Amino acid sequence: MSREILEAMYALAREKGIEPEKLMIALEDALLSAYKKQPGSAKYARVEMDRYVSVAADFIRQRPVVCIAGAVTIGYLIGKLASRR
């Protein structure tokens, strides 16, 4: 899901006083309902919107150096922890 859709969904949730998770579930239900009305749709379909990956991917695109430094640091710490055994 694009960052813009997530931001709009969270803004709508704040504006209407709705929990974002409930709004996300309602959006998934609406998408599934619309899909099932299409000719040739799968009988046992489901919709699961990824709540976090698109935001993380956008962050990685905007700040690749920060992400690489973080990954290297995490790898270093894991190595240190593993060497203590």
Protein backbone atom coordinates (compact mmCIF):
# COMPACT_ATOMS: atom_id res chain seq x y z
CA MET A 1 0.00 0.00 0.00
CA SER A 2 1.33 3.42 -0.80
CA ARG A 3 2.41 5.81 1.89
CA GLU A 4 -0.17 8.33 0.69
CA ILE A 5 -3.04 5.88 1.22
CA LEU A 6 -1.79 5.05 4.71
CA GLU A 7 -1.46 8.73 5.59
CA ALA A 8 -4.95 9.45 4.29
CA MET A 9 -6.37 6.51 6.21
CA TYR A 10 -4.72 7.63 9.47
CA ALA A 11 -5.88 11.22 8.92
CA LEU A 12 -9.44 10.02 8.37
CA ALA A 13 -9.26 7.86 11.49
CA ARG A 14 -8.10 10.84 13.57
CA GLU A 15 -10.71 13.14 12.06
CA LYS A 16 -13.58 10.72 12.70
CA GLY A 17 -12.31 9.38 16.02
CA ILE A 18 -12.03 5.82 14.72
CA GLU A 19 -9.27 3.37 15.63
CA PRO A 20 -6.96 3.07 12.60
CA GLU A 21 -7.04 -0.75 12.83
CA LYS A 22 -10.85 -0.80 12.60
CA LEU A 23 -10.72 1.50 9.59
CA MET A 24 -8.09 -0.74 7.97
CA ILE A 25 -10.29 -3.80 8.48
CA ALA A 26 -13.27 -1.96 6.97
CA LEU A 27 -11.13 -0.98 3.97
CA GLU A 28 -10.00 -4.60 3.51
CA ASP A 29 -13.62 -5.75 3.64
CA ALA A 30 -14.66 -3.14 1.07
CA LEU A 31 -11.84 -4.15 -1.28
CA LEU A 32 -12.76 -7.82 -0.95
CA SER A 33 -16.41 -7.06 -1.62
CA ALA A 34 -15.51 -5.07 -4.74
CA TYR A 35 -13.18 -7.83 -5.94
CA LYS A 36 -15.82 -10.55 -5.53
CA LYS A 37 -18.19 -8.58 -7.78
CA GLN A 38 -15.73 -8.88 -10.66
CA PRO A 39 -16.36 -11.61 -13.24
CA GLY A 40 -14.00 -14.55 -12.75
CA SER A 41 -13.04 -13.63 -9.20
CA ALA A 42 -11.71 -16.40 -6.98
CA LYS A 43 -14.30 -18.02 -4.73
CA TYR A 44 -12.09 -18.07 -1.63
CA ALA A 45 -10.25 -14.78 -1.89
CA ARG A 46 -9.06 -12.59 0.94
CA VAL A 47 -7.53 -9.15 1.24
CA GLU A 48 -4.70 -8.34 3.63
CA MET A 49 -3.27 -4.87 3.45
CA ASP A 50 0.28 -4.49 4.66
CA ARG A 51 0.23 -1.86 7.36
CA TYR A 52 3.96 -1.28 7.72
CA VAL A 53 6.08 -2.46 4.81
CA SER A 54 5.21 0.38 2.43
CA VAL A 55 6.16 2.95 5.05
CA ALA A 56 9.44 1.14 5.73
CA ALA A 57 10.18 0.85 2.00
CA ASP A 58 9.56 4.56 1.53
CA PHE A 59 11.89 5.34 4.45
CA ILE A 60 14.59 3.12 2.96
CA ARG A 61 14.28 4.87 -0.43
CA GLN A 62 14.58 8.30 1.20
CA ARG A 63 17.39 7.43 3.65
CA PRO A 64 19.43 4.51 2.32
CA VAL A 65 22.63 5.48 4.17
CA VAL A 66 20.84 5.50 7.53
CA CYS A 67 19.36 2.07 6.80
CA ILE A 68 22.67 0.59 5.71
CA ALA A 69 24.38 1.97 8.82
CA GLY A 70 21.61 0.50 10.96
CA ALA A 71 21.90 -2.89 9.28
CA VAL A 72 25.67 -2.92 9.75
CA THR A 73 25.28 -1.98 13.41
CA ILE A 74 22.72 -4.71 13.99
CA GLY A 75 24.98 -7.25 12.27
CA TYR A 76 27.90 -6.15 14.43
CA LEU A 77 25.84 -6.49 17.63
CA ILE A 78 24.58 -9.93 16.63
CA GLY A 79 28.16 -10.98 15.95
CA LYS A 80 29.26 -9.74 19.37
CA LEU A 81 26.42 -11.57 21.07
CA ALA A 82 27.17 -14.79 19.17
CA SER A 83 30.86 -14.64 20.09
CA ARG A 84 30.03 -14.55 23.81
CA ARG A 85 28.85 -18.17 23.80
